[in-house]
């Protein structure tokens, strides 16, 4: 059974997820944006050796800021990011550290993904959906009935498109792509609480009104 636990990290209050599959005895992290004592305790409790990936939905500092430190603590973990955002991890003009007057430890990802990429996880596969708009290389990760959407889709809202490499038309296309998926999914967002794809299809005005983006 897949379980996603949310930890709110950093000054910008981004969501970091600790995702576990007890049957496979495996885990991964999504968007390690900042330090969290509670998260690190949870990782130790579960077994750090079981953590396989750090999945990054995009390259902004509030989602990648603690990744280099996590890699030092768990060097076997593979860092994953969208191919078009790979340079964000080393360029502060793009990851927004410069704009916010902050610094992060730079790093290189181990795996670069694009639309349709798949990652092995236990008996399952994590599927990658390319969702540019907030950033050029923004991606969502789909596992079972869960989608980790980063800053593409929030409960009743969407991510900004006015940062470097953001694009309104691409955001509209990405939202259509998510809305067109078959069935319902639990949506684990980059900020704020979780939602469902059905709820967003019915209630998120940005999905139905492209002109508002």
N, C-alpha and C. Protein backbone atom coordinates (compact mmCIF):
# COMPACT_ATOMS: atom_id res chain seq x y z
N UNK A 1 0.84 -1.19 0.00
CA UNK A 1 0.00 0.00 0.00
C UNK A 1 0.88 1.26 0.00
N UNK A 2 0.57 2.18 -0.90
CA UNK A 2 1.31 3.42 -1.00
C UNK A 2 0.77 4.42 0.02
N UNK A 3 1.68 5.01 0.79
CA UNK A 3 1.30 6.02 1.77
C UNK A 3 2.16 7.26 1.59
N UNK A 4 1.52 8.42 1.50
CA UNK A 4 2.23 9.69 1.34
C UNK A 4 2.02 10.54 2.59
N UNK A 5 3.12 10.90 3.25
CA UNK A 5 3.07 11.74 4.44
C UNK A 5 3.62 13.12 4.10
N UNK A 6 2.90 14.15 4.51
CA UNK A 6 3.29 15.52 4.19
C UNK A 6 4.05 16.17 5.33
N UNK A 7 5.13 16.87 4.98
CA UNK A 7 5.90 17.67 5.93
C UNK A 7 6.04 19.06 5.33
N UNK A 8 5.62 20.07 6.07
CA UNK A 8 5.70 21.45 5.59
C UNK A 8 7.06 22.01 5.98
N UNK A 9 7.82 22.47 5.00
CA UNK A 9 9.21 22.86 5.25
C UNK A 9 9.50 24.28 4.75
N UNK A 10 10.38 24.97 5.48
CA UNK A 10 10.91 26.25 5.04
C UNK A 10 10.00 27.44 5.25
N UNK A 11 10.56 28.62 5.01
CA UNK A 11 9.83 29.86 5.22
C UNK A 11 8.66 30.01 4.26
N UNK A 12 8.78 29.44 3.08
CA UNK A 12 7.72 29.55 2.08
C UNK A 12 6.68 28.45 2.26
N UNK A 13 6.89 27.59 3.22
CA UNK A 13 5.94 26.53 3.59
C UNK A 13 5.58 25.64 2.41
N UNK A 14 6.63 25.05 1.83
CA UNK A 14 6.43 24.08 0.76
C UNK A 14 6.17 22.70 1.35
N UNK A 15 5.53 21.86 0.58
CA UNK A 15 5.26 20.50 1.00
C UNK A 15 6.38 19.57 0.54
N UNK A 16 6.91 18.80 1.48
CA UNK A 16 7.81 17.71 1.17
C UNK A 16 7.08 16.42 1.55
N UNK A 17 7.12 15.43 0.68
CA UNK A 17 6.39 14.19 0.93
C UNK A 17 7.36 13.03 1.15
N UNK A 18 7.03 12.21 2.14
CA UNK A 18 7.73 10.96 2.37
C UNK A 18 6.76 9.85 1.97
N UNK A 19 7.11 9.15 0.92
CA UNK A 19 6.19 8.17 0.31
C UNK A 19 6.75 6.77 0.54
N UNK A 20 5.92 5.90 1.08
CA UNK A 20 6.37 4.56 1.43
C UNK A 20 5.49 3.49 0.82
N UNK A 21 6.11 2.34 0.58
CA UNK A 21 5.41 1.14 0.14
C UNK A 21 5.86 0.03 1.07
N UNK A 22 5.07 -0.28 2.08
CA UNK A 22 5.47 -1.25 3.09
C UNK A 22 5.65 -2.65 2.51
N UNK A 23 4.86 -2.98 1.50
CA UNK A 23 4.99 -4.30 0.87
C UNK A 23 6.35 -4.45 0.20
N UNK A 24 6.78 -3.39 -0.48
CA UNK A 24 8.07 -3.42 -1.16
C UNK A 24 9.22 -3.04 -0.23
N UNK A 25 8.88 -2.51 0.95
CA UNK A 25 9.87 -2.03 1.90
C UNK A 25 10.79 -0.99 1.23
N UNK A 26 10.14 -0.02 0.61
CA UNK A 26 10.86 1.01 -0.13
C UNK A 26 10.18 2.35 0.08
N UNK A 27 10.94 3.43 -0.14
CA UNK A 27 10.42 4.77 0.08
C UNK A 27 11.09 5.75 -0.87
N UNK A 28 10.46 6.90 -1.05
CA UNK A 28 11.11 8.01 -1.75
C UNK A 28 10.61 9.32 -1.18
N UNK A 29 11.33 10.38 -1.49
CA UNK A 29 10.98 11.72 -1.06
C UNK A 29 10.59 12.56 -2.28
N UNK A 30 9.67 13.49 -2.07
CA UNK A 30 9.30 14.43 -3.11
C UNK A 30 9.57 15.84 -2.61
N UNK A 31 10.41 16.58 -3.33
CA UNK A 31 10.66 18.00 -3.08
C UNK A 31 11.24 18.28 -1.69
N UNK A 32 12.51 18.00 -1.56
CA UNK A 32 13.24 18.24 -0.30
C UNK A 32 13.70 19.70 -0.27
N UNK A 33 12.78 20.58 0.08
CA UNK A 33 13.03 22.01 -0.01
C UNK A 33 13.76 22.61 1.16
N UNK A 34 13.64 22.02 2.34
CA UNK A 34 14.30 22.58 3.52
C UNK A 34 14.35 21.50 4.61
N UNK A 35 15.10 21.80 5.65
CA UNK A 35 15.27 20.87 6.76
C UNK A 35 13.98 20.71 7.56
N UNK A 36 13.72 19.50 7.99
CA UNK A 36 12.61 19.21 8.89
C UNK A 36 13.04 18.14 9.87
N UNK A 37 13.08 18.49 11.14
CA UNK A 37 13.44 17.53 12.18
C UNK A 37 12.48 16.36 12.18
N UNK A 38 11.18 16.65 12.04
CA UNK A 38 10.16 15.59 12.05
C UNK A 38 10.34 14.64 10.88
N UNK A 39 10.66 15.19 9.71
CA UNK A 39 10.88 14.34 8.55
C UNK A 39 12.08 13.43 8.75
N UNK A 40 13.17 13.98 9.24
CA UNK A 40 14.36 13.16 9.40
C UNK A 40 14.17 12.08 10.45
N UNK A 41 13.40 12.40 11.48
CA UNK A 41 13.05 11.36 12.47
C UNK A 41 12.25 10.24 11.82
N UNK A 42 11.31 10.64 10.95
CA UNK A 42 10.46 9.65 10.27
C UNK A 42 11.29 8.77 9.34
N UNK A 43 12.26 9.37 8.66
CA UNK A 43 13.13 8.59 7.79
C UNK A 43 13.94 7.58 8.59
N UNK A 44 14.49 8.02 9.71
CA UNK A 44 15.26 7.10 10.55
C UNK A 44 14.38 5.97 11.08
N UNK A 45 13.17 6.33 11.47
CA UNK A 45 12.23 5.35 12.00
C UNK A 45 11.89 4.29 10.95
N UNK A 46 11.70 4.74 9.73
CA UNK A 46 11.32 3.81 8.65
C UNK A 46 12.52 3.01 8.15
N UNK A 47 13.68 3.65 8.19
CA UNK A 47 14.90 3.02 7.68
C UNK A 47 15.43 3.79 6.48
N UNK A 48 16.44 4.61 6.70
CA UNK A 48 16.97 5.45 5.63
C UNK A 48 17.44 4.63 4.44
N UNK A 49 17.91 3.42 4.71
CA UNK A 49 18.42 2.58 3.63
C UNK A 49 17.33 2.17 2.63
N UNK A 50 16.08 2.35 3.02
CA UNK A 50 14.96 1.99 2.13
C UNK A 50 14.59 3.11 1.16
N UNK A 51 15.15 4.31 1.39
CA UNK A 51 14.82 5.46 0.52
C UNK A 51 15.58 5.34 -0.78
N UNK A 52 14.85 5.34 -1.89
CA UNK A 52 15.46 5.08 -3.20
C UNK A 52 15.67 6.35 -4.01
N UNK A 53 14.72 7.28 -3.95
CA UNK A 53 14.78 8.47 -4.79
C UNK A 53 14.48 9.74 -3.99
N UNK A 54 14.97 10.85 -4.52
CA UNK A 54 14.44 12.17 -4.21
C UNK A 54 13.88 12.70 -5.52
N UNK A 55 12.56 12.80 -5.61
CA UNK A 55 11.91 13.26 -6.82
C UNK A 55 11.65 14.76 -6.70
N UNK A 56 12.14 15.53 -7.64
CA UNK A 56 11.94 16.98 -7.65
C UNK A 56 10.95 17.34 -8.75
N UNK A 57 9.88 18.02 -8.36
CA UNK A 57 8.86 18.37 -9.35
C UNK A 57 9.30 19.53 -10.23
N UNK A 58 10.18 20.38 -9.71
CA UNK A 58 10.74 21.49 -10.48
C UNK A 58 11.92 22.07 -9.69
N UNK A 59 12.57 23.09 -10.26
CA UNK A 59 13.84 23.51 -9.71
C UNK A 59 13.87 24.74 -8.85
N UNK A 60 12.77 25.15 -8.25
CA UNK A 60 12.77 26.34 -7.39
C UNK A 60 13.30 26.01 -6.00
N UNK A 61 13.94 27.00 -5.38
CA UNK A 61 14.65 26.77 -4.13
C UNK A 61 13.78 26.18 -3.02
N UNK A 62 12.50 26.55 -2.96
CA UNK A 62 11.65 26.04 -1.88
C UNK A 62 11.31 24.57 -2.06
N UNK A 63 11.72 23.99 -3.20
CA UNK A 63 11.48 22.57 -3.46
C UNK A 63 12.78 21.78 -3.57
N UNK A 64 13.91 22.47 -3.77
CA UNK A 64 15.18 21.76 -3.93
C UNK A 64 16.23 22.16 -2.89
N UNK A 65 15.92 23.12 -2.02
CA UNK A 65 16.92 23.77 -1.19
C UNK A 65 17.70 22.87 -0.24
N UNK A 66 17.13 21.73 0.16
CA UNK A 66 17.81 20.85 1.11
C UNK A 66 18.26 19.54 0.45
N UNK A 67 18.16 19.49 -0.86
CA UNK A 67 18.44 18.25 -1.57
C UNK A 67 19.90 17.84 -1.47
N UNK A 68 20.81 18.80 -1.62
CA UNK A 68 22.24 18.47 -1.54
C UNK A 68 22.59 17.88 -0.18
N UNK A 69 22.01 18.44 0.88
CA UNK A 69 22.27 17.94 2.23
C UNK A 69 21.70 16.53 2.41
N UNK A 70 20.52 16.30 1.86
CA UNK A 70 19.93 14.95 1.93
C UNK A 70 20.80 13.94 1.20
N UNK A 71 21.35 14.36 0.08
CA UNK A 71 22.23 13.46 -0.68
C UNK A 71 23.48 13.11 0.11
N UNK A 72 24.01 14.07 0.87
CA UNK A 72 25.18 13.79 1.71
C UNK A 72 24.83 12.76 2.78
N UNK A 73 23.63 12.87 3.33
CA UNK A 73 23.21 11.95 4.39
C UNK A 73 22.84 10.58 3.86
N UNK A 74 22.34 10.54 2.61
CA UNK A 74 21.94 9.27 1.99
C UNK A 74 22.52 9.22 0.58
N UNK A 75 23.82 8.99 0.45
CA UNK A 75 24.49 9.08 -0.85
C UNK A 75 24.00 8.08 -1.90
N UNK A 76 23.32 7.03 -1.48
CA UNK A 76 22.80 6.04 -2.43
C UNK A 76 21.51 6.50 -3.11
N UNK A 77 20.89 7.51 -2.56
CA UNK A 77 19.61 7.98 -3.11
C UNK A 77 19.85 8.67 -4.45
N UNK A 78 18.97 8.42 -5.41
CA UNK A 78 19.08 9.03 -6.73
C UNK A 78 18.17 10.25 -6.82
N UNK A 79 18.76 11.37 -7.18
CA UNK A 79 18.02 12.62 -7.34
C UNK A 79 17.46 12.68 -8.76
N UNK A 80 16.17 12.96 -8.86
CA UNK A 80 15.47 12.96 -10.15
C UNK A 80 14.86 14.33 -10.39
N UNK A 81 15.02 14.87 -11.61
CA UNK A 81 14.41 16.15 -11.96
C UNK A 81 14.11 16.15 -13.46
N UNK A 82 13.17 16.98 -13.86
CA UNK A 82 12.86 17.13 -15.27
C UNK A 82 14.06 17.66 -16.04
N UNK A 83 14.28 17.13 -17.23
CA UNK A 83 15.45 17.45 -18.04
C UNK A 83 15.62 18.95 -18.26
N UNK A 84 14.53 19.65 -18.51
CA UNK A 84 14.60 21.08 -18.81
C UNK A 84 14.89 21.94 -17.57
N UNK A 85 14.76 21.35 -16.38
CA UNK A 85 15.07 22.08 -15.14
C UNK A 85 16.40 21.66 -14.54
N UNK A 86 17.16 20.84 -15.24
CA UNK A 86 18.41 20.30 -14.68
C UNK A 86 19.37 21.40 -14.27
N UNK A 87 19.42 22.49 -15.03
CA UNK A 87 20.37 23.55 -14.73
C UNK A 87 19.94 24.41 -13.54
N UNK A 88 18.68 24.33 -13.14
CA UNK A 88 18.22 25.11 -11.99
C UNK A 88 18.99 24.78 -10.72
N UNK A 89 19.45 23.56 -10.60
CA UNK A 89 20.09 23.12 -9.36
C UNK A 89 21.44 23.80 -9.12
N UNK A 90 21.96 24.45 -10.16
CA UNK A 90 23.25 25.13 -10.05
C UNK A 90 23.21 26.60 -10.44
N UNK A 91 22.03 27.12 -10.77
CA UNK A 91 21.93 28.49 -11.25
C UNK A 91 20.89 29.26 -10.44
N UNK A 92 21.37 30.17 -9.60
CA UNK A 92 20.49 30.87 -8.66
C UNK A 92 19.55 31.87 -9.33
N UNK A 93 19.86 32.29 -10.55
CA UNK A 93 18.92 33.16 -11.27
C UNK A 93 17.66 32.40 -11.64
N UNK A 94 17.78 31.10 -11.81
CA UNK A 94 16.64 30.27 -12.20
C UNK A 94 15.94 29.65 -11.00
N UNK A 95 16.70 29.21 -10.00
CA UNK A 95 16.06 28.56 -8.85
C UNK A 95 15.49 29.56 -7.84
N UNK A 96 15.67 30.85 -8.11
CA UNK A 96 15.10 31.97 -7.36
C UNK A 96 15.82 32.29 -6.05
N UNK A 97 16.92 31.61 -5.77
CA UNK A 97 17.67 31.94 -4.56
C UNK A 97 18.15 33.39 -4.60
N UNK A 98 18.61 33.82 -5.76
CA UNK A 98 19.09 35.20 -5.89
C UNK A 98 17.96 36.20 -5.65
N UNK A 99 16.77 35.93 -6.23
CA UNK A 99 15.64 36.85 -6.08
C UNK A 99 15.17 36.96 -4.64
N UNK A 100 15.28 35.88 -3.89
CA UNK A 100 14.82 35.88 -2.50
C UNK A 100 15.95 36.18 -1.51
N UNK A 101 17.13 36.50 -2.01
CA UNK A 101 18.25 36.81 -1.13
C UNK A 101 18.68 35.63 -0.28
N UNK A 102 18.57 34.42 -0.84
CA UNK A 102 18.90 33.21 -0.10
C UNK A 102 20.00 32.45 -0.84
N UNK A 103 20.56 31.47 -0.19
CA UNK A 103 21.56 30.61 -0.81
C UNK A 103 21.17 29.15 -0.64
N UNK A 104 21.54 28.33 -1.60
CA UNK A 104 21.35 26.89 -1.46
C UNK A 104 22.63 26.19 -1.88
N UNK A 105 22.80 24.97 -1.42
CA UNK A 105 23.92 24.16 -1.88
C UNK A 105 23.59 23.61 -3.26
N UNK A 106 24.48 23.88 -4.20
CA UNK A 106 24.26 23.40 -5.57
C UNK A 106 24.52 21.89 -5.66
N UNK A 107 23.94 21.28 -6.66
CA UNK A 107 24.11 19.83 -6.85
C UNK A 107 23.71 19.48 -8.27
N UNK A 108 24.03 18.27 -8.68
CA UNK A 108 23.60 17.73 -9.96
C UNK A 108 22.65 16.57 -9.72
N UNK A 109 21.62 16.49 -10.52
CA UNK A 109 20.69 15.37 -10.42
C UNK A 109 21.33 14.11 -11.00
N UNK A 110 20.89 12.96 -10.54
CA UNK A 110 21.38 11.67 -11.04
C UNK A 110 20.59 11.18 -12.24
N UNK A 111 19.30 11.52 -12.26
CA UNK A 111 18.43 11.06 -13.33
C UNK A 111 17.63 12.23 -13.87
N UNK A 112 17.67 12.44 -15.18
CA UNK A 112 16.87 13.47 -15.83
C UNK A 112 15.71 12.79 -16.56
N UNK A 113 14.51 13.28 -16.31
CA UNK A 113 13.32 12.63 -16.87
C UNK A 113 12.57 13.59 -17.80
N UNK A 114 11.70 13.01 -18.59
CA UNK A 114 10.85 13.77 -19.49
C UNK A 114 9.51 13.05 -19.59
N UNK A 115 8.62 13.58 -20.38
CA UNK A 115 7.29 13.01 -20.48
C UNK A 115 7.35 11.54 -20.88
N UNK A 116 6.69 10.68 -20.10
CA UNK A 116 6.67 9.25 -20.40
C UNK A 116 7.76 8.45 -19.72
N UNK A 117 8.72 9.11 -19.09
CA UNK A 117 9.75 8.36 -18.35
C UNK A 117 9.12 7.56 -17.22
N UNK A 118 9.74 6.45 -16.87
CA UNK A 118 9.26 5.61 -15.78
C UNK A 118 10.42 5.26 -14.85
N UNK A 119 10.11 5.18 -13.56
CA UNK A 119 11.09 4.84 -12.54
C UNK A 119 10.61 3.60 -11.80
N UNK A 120 11.48 2.63 -11.64
CA UNK A 120 11.12 1.41 -10.91
C UNK A 120 10.98 1.71 -9.42
N UNK A 121 9.90 1.20 -8.84
CA UNK A 121 9.67 1.37 -7.41
C UNK A 121 8.91 0.17 -6.90
N UNK A 122 9.64 -0.76 -6.27
CA UNK A 122 9.01 -1.99 -5.83
C UNK A 122 8.42 -2.74 -7.01
N UNK A 123 7.16 -3.15 -6.86
CA UNK A 123 6.45 -3.84 -7.94
C UNK A 123 5.75 -2.85 -8.86
N UNK A 124 5.92 -1.56 -8.60
CA UNK A 124 5.22 -0.52 -9.36
C UNK A 124 6.20 0.31 -10.18
N UNK A 125 5.64 1.19 -10.99
CA UNK A 125 6.44 2.14 -11.74
C UNK A 125 5.92 3.55 -11.44
N UNK A 126 6.83 4.46 -11.21
CA UNK A 126 6.49 5.88 -11.08
C UNK A 126 6.52 6.47 -12.48
N UNK A 127 5.40 6.99 -12.93
CA UNK A 127 5.31 7.54 -14.28
C UNK A 127 5.47 9.06 -14.24
N UNK A 128 6.19 9.58 -15.21
CA UNK A 128 6.49 11.01 -15.27
C UNK A 128 5.59 11.68 -16.31
N UNK A 129 4.95 12.76 -15.89
CA UNK A 129 4.13 13.57 -16.79
C UNK A 129 4.77 14.94 -16.89
N UNK A 130 5.18 15.32 -18.08
CA UNK A 130 5.76 16.64 -18.27
C UNK A 130 4.66 17.70 -18.19
N UNK A 131 4.85 18.68 -17.29
CA UNK A 131 3.84 19.73 -17.11
C UNK A 131 4.51 21.11 -17.03
N UNK A 132 5.06 21.58 -18.15
CA UNK A 132 5.65 22.92 -18.15
C UNK A 132 4.60 23.99 -17.93
N UNK A 133 5.05 25.15 -17.52
CA UNK A 133 4.14 26.26 -17.26
C UNK A 133 4.64 27.09 -16.09
N UNK A 134 4.81 26.43 -14.95
CA UNK A 134 5.43 27.10 -13.79
C UNK A 134 6.93 27.23 -14.05
N UNK A 135 7.54 26.15 -14.52
CA UNK A 135 8.89 26.15 -15.08
C UNK A 135 8.87 25.28 -16.31
N UNK A 136 9.86 25.46 -17.17
CA UNK A 136 9.92 24.70 -18.42
C UNK A 136 10.01 23.21 -18.16
N UNK A 137 10.77 22.82 -17.14
CA UNK A 137 10.99 21.40 -16.87
C UNK A 137 10.14 20.83 -15.76
N UNK A 138 9.05 21.52 -15.41
CA UNK A 138 8.18 21.00 -14.36
C UNK A 138 7.58 19.66 -14.74
N UNK A 139 7.53 18.75 -13.79
CA UNK A 139 6.95 17.43 -14.03
C UNK A 139 6.05 17.04 -12.86
N UNK A 140 5.12 16.15 -13.13
CA UNK A 140 4.32 15.51 -12.09
C UNK A 140 4.70 14.04 -12.06
N UNK A 141 4.58 13.44 -10.89
CA UNK A 141 4.91 12.03 -10.72
C UNK A 141 3.65 11.27 -10.34
N UNK A 142 3.34 10.25 -11.12
CA UNK A 142 2.13 9.46 -10.91
C UNK A 142 2.51 8.06 -10.41
N UNK A 143 1.93 7.68 -9.29
CA UNK A 143 2.15 6.35 -8.73
C UNK A 143 0.84 5.84 -8.17
N UNK A 144 0.33 4.76 -8.73
CA UNK A 144 -0.96 4.23 -8.29
C UNK A 144 -2.05 5.25 -8.51
N UNK A 145 -2.75 5.59 -7.43
CA UNK A 145 -3.82 6.59 -7.54
C UNK A 145 -3.38 7.96 -7.01
N UNK A 146 -2.06 8.18 -6.97
CA UNK A 146 -1.52 9.43 -6.45
C UNK A 146 -0.75 10.19 -7.54
N UNK A 147 -0.91 11.52 -7.55
CA UNK A 147 -0.09 12.36 -8.41
C UNK A 147 0.52 13.47 -7.56
N UNK A 148 1.83 13.63 -7.68
CA UNK A 148 2.55 14.70 -6.99
C UNK A 148 2.76 15.81 -8.01
N UNK A 149 2.03 16.92 -7.82
CA UNK A 149 1.93 17.93 -8.87
C UNK A 149 2.85 19.13 -8.67
N UNK A 150 3.60 19.19 -7.58
CA UNK A 150 4.46 20.33 -7.37
C UNK A 150 3.69 21.63 -7.41
N UNK A 151 4.19 22.61 -8.19
CA UNK A 151 3.52 23.90 -8.28
C UNK A 151 2.75 24.05 -9.60
N UNK A 152 2.41 22.93 -10.22
CA UNK A 152 1.55 22.99 -11.40
C UNK A 152 0.09 23.16 -10.99
N UNK A 153 -0.37 22.32 -10.11
CA UNK A 153 -1.79 22.31 -9.72
C UNK A 153 -1.93 22.30 -8.21
N UNK A 154 -2.67 23.27 -7.70
CA UNK A 154 -3.01 23.34 -6.28
C UNK A 154 -4.50 23.14 -6.10
N UNK A 155 -4.93 23.03 -4.85
CA UNK A 155 -6.35 22.98 -4.57
C UNK A 155 -6.98 24.33 -4.94
N UNK A 156 -7.77 24.35 -5.99
CA UNK A 156 -8.46 25.55 -6.43
C UNK A 156 -7.59 26.60 -7.08
N UNK A 157 -6.35 26.27 -7.36
CA UNK A 157 -5.44 27.27 -7.90
C UNK A 157 -4.36 26.58 -8.72
N UNK A 158 -3.42 27.38 -9.24
CA UNK A 158 -2.30 26.86 -10.02
C UNK A 158 -1.05 27.66 -9.66
N UNK A 159 0.08 27.20 -10.14
CA UNK A 159 1.33 27.90 -9.89
C UNK A 159 1.50 29.12 -10.76
N UNK A 160 2.34 30.02 -10.33
CA UNK A 160 2.64 31.25 -11.08
C UNK A 160 3.37 30.91 -12.39
N UNK A 161 3.18 31.79 -13.36
CA UNK A 161 3.85 31.58 -14.64
C UNK A 161 4.81 32.73 -14.98
N UNK A 162 5.08 33.61 -14.03
CA UNK A 162 5.89 34.80 -14.30
C UNK A 162 7.33 34.68 -13.81
N UNK A 163 7.76 33.49 -13.38
CA UNK A 163 9.14 33.28 -13.03
C UNK A 163 9.92 32.84 -14.28
N UNK A 164 11.26 32.86 -14.23
CA UNK A 164 12.04 32.44 -15.40
C UNK A 164 11.61 31.07 -15.93
N UNK A 165 11.42 30.99 -17.21
CA UNK A 165 10.97 29.84 -18.01
C UNK A 165 9.50 29.50 -17.83
N UNK A 166 8.76 30.26 -17.02
CA UNK A 166 7.32 30.06 -16.91
C UNK A 166 6.62 30.50 -18.19
N UNK A 167 5.44 29.91 -18.45
CA UNK A 167 4.75 30.21 -19.70
C UNK A 167 3.26 29.92 -19.54
N UNK A 168 2.43 30.91 -19.82
CA UNK A 168 0.98 30.77 -19.63
C UNK A 168 0.38 29.72 -20.55
N UNK A 169 0.78 29.73 -21.82
CA UNK A 169 0.22 28.77 -22.78
C UNK A 169 0.60 27.35 -22.41
N UNK A 170 1.84 27.18 -21.98
CA UNK A 170 2.27 25.85 -21.57
C UNK A 170 1.54 25.39 -20.31
N UNK A 171 1.29 26.31 -19.40
CA UNK A 171 0.53 25.97 -18.20
C UNK A 171 -0.88 25.51 -18.57
N UNK A 172 -1.53 26.22 -19.47
CA UNK A 172 -2.88 25.84 -19.90
C UNK A 172 -2.88 24.44 -20.51
N UNK A 173 -1.88 24.16 -21.32
CA UNK A 173 -1.76 22.84 -21.94
C UNK A 173 -1.51 21.74 -20.90
N UNK A 174 -0.68 22.05 -19.91
CA UNK A 174 -0.39 21.07 -18.85
C UNK A 174 -1.62 20.76 -18.02
N UNK A 175 -2.42 21.78 -17.73
CA UNK A 175 -3.65 21.56 -16.96
C UNK A 175 -4.63 20.70 -17.74
N UNK A 176 -4.71 20.92 -19.03
CA UNK A 176 -5.58 20.10 -19.87
C UNK A 176 -5.11 18.65 -19.87
N UNK A 177 -3.81 18.46 -19.92
CA UNK A 177 -3.25 17.12 -19.91
C UNK A 177 -3.62 16.38 -18.61
N UNK A 178 -3.50 17.06 -17.49
CA UNK A 178 -3.86 16.43 -16.22
C UNK A 178 -5.36 16.15 -16.14
N UNK A 179 -6.16 17.11 -16.56
CA UNK A 179 -7.62 16.95 -16.50
C UNK A 179 -8.10 15.81 -17.39
N UNK A 180 -7.34 15.51 -18.45
CA UNK A 180 -7.74 14.48 -19.41
C UNK A 180 -7.35 13.07 -18.97
N UNK A 181 -6.64 12.93 -17.87
CA UNK A 181 -6.28 11.60 -17.38
C UNK A 181 -7.54 10.80 -17.05
N UNK A 182 -7.51 9.53 -17.32
CA UNK A 182 -8.65 8.68 -17.01
C UNK A 182 -8.78 8.48 -15.50
N UNK A 183 -9.99 8.59 -14.99
CA UNK A 183 -10.25 8.30 -13.60
C UNK A 183 -9.89 9.43 -12.66
N UNK A 184 -9.98 9.12 -11.38
CA UNK A 184 -9.70 10.10 -10.34
C UNK A 184 -8.36 9.78 -9.69
N UNK A 185 -7.73 10.80 -9.14
CA UNK A 185 -6.45 10.63 -8.45
C UNK A 185 -6.41 11.53 -7.23
N UNK A 186 -5.64 11.10 -6.23
CA UNK A 186 -5.31 11.98 -5.12
C UNK A 186 -4.20 12.93 -5.60
N UNK A 187 -4.39 14.20 -5.37
CA UNK A 187 -3.42 15.20 -5.80
C UNK A 187 -2.66 15.72 -4.59
N UNK A 188 -1.35 15.48 -4.58
CA UNK A 188 -0.49 15.99 -3.53
C UNK A 188 0.29 17.17 -4.10
N UNK A 189 -0.08 18.36 -3.64
CA UNK A 189 0.41 19.62 -4.21
C UNK A 189 1.72 20.07 -3.57
N UNK A 190 2.37 21.03 -4.23
CA UNK A 190 3.60 21.59 -3.72
C UNK A 190 3.40 22.53 -2.54
N UNK A 191 2.20 23.07 -2.41
CA UNK A 191 1.83 23.93 -1.30
C UNK A 191 0.37 23.64 -0.96
N UNK A 192 -0.02 23.93 0.27
CA UNK A 192 -1.40 23.76 0.71
C UNK A 192 -1.77 22.28 0.80
N UNK A 193 -3.03 22.01 1.10
CA UNK A 193 -3.45 20.64 1.38
C UNK A 193 -3.76 19.85 0.11
N UNK A 194 -3.91 18.57 0.29
CA UNK A 194 -4.18 17.68 -0.83
C UNK A 194 -5.59 17.89 -1.37
N UNK A 195 -5.80 17.40 -2.57
CA UNK A 195 -7.10 17.49 -3.21
C UNK A 195 -7.28 16.25 -4.08
N UNK A 196 -8.26 16.26 -4.96
CA UNK A 196 -8.42 15.17 -5.91
C UNK A 196 -8.58 15.75 -7.31
N UNK A 197 -8.27 14.94 -8.29
CA UNK A 197 -8.39 15.42 -9.67
C UNK A 197 -9.84 15.71 -10.02
N UNK A 198 -10.76 14.86 -9.56
CA UNK A 198 -12.18 15.11 -9.83
C UNK A 198 -12.63 16.44 -9.25
N UNK A 199 -12.20 16.73 -8.02
CA UNK A 199 -12.58 18.00 -7.39
C UNK A 199 -12.05 19.17 -8.22
N UNK A 200 -10.82 19.07 -8.69
CA UNK A 200 -10.24 20.17 -9.47
C UNK A 200 -10.90 20.30 -10.83
N UNK A 201 -11.24 19.19 -11.44
CA UNK A 201 -11.96 19.25 -12.73
C UNK A 201 -13.25 20.05 -12.59
N UNK A 202 -13.92 19.85 -11.46
CA UNK A 202 -15.23 20.49 -11.26
C UNK A 202 -15.14 21.89 -10.68
N UNK A 203 -14.09 22.17 -9.90
CA UNK A 203 -14.07 23.41 -9.11
C UNK A 203 -12.92 24.36 -9.40
N UNK A 204 -11.90 23.91 -10.09
CA UNK A 204 -10.75 24.77 -10.33
C UNK A 204 -10.98 25.57 -11.60
N UNK A 205 -11.25 26.85 -11.45
CA UNK A 205 -11.63 27.69 -12.59
C UNK A 205 -10.52 27.81 -13.62
N UNK A 206 -9.28 27.63 -13.21
CA UNK A 206 -8.16 27.73 -14.15
C UNK A 206 -8.13 26.57 -15.13
N UNK A 207 -8.74 25.46 -14.78
CA UNK A 207 -8.82 24.33 -15.70
C UNK A 207 -9.86 24.57 -16.78
N UNK A 208 -10.95 25.22 -16.39
CA UNK A 208 -12.04 25.43 -17.36
C UNK A 208 -11.96 26.78 -18.07
N UNK A 209 -11.20 27.73 -17.48
CA UNK A 209 -11.10 29.08 -18.06
C UNK A 209 -9.64 29.39 -18.37
N UNK A 210 -9.19 28.97 -19.54
CA UNK A 210 -7.81 29.17 -19.95
C UNK A 210 -7.45 30.66 -19.99
N UNK A 211 -8.44 31.51 -20.25
CA UNK A 211 -8.18 32.95 -20.36
C UNK A 211 -7.78 33.59 -19.04
N UNK A 212 -8.00 32.89 -17.92
CA UNK A 212 -7.66 33.43 -16.61
C UNK A 212 -6.22 33.19 -16.22
N UNK A 213 -5.54 32.32 -16.94
CA UNK A 213 -4.16 31.99 -16.58
C UNK A 213 -3.23 33.14 -16.93
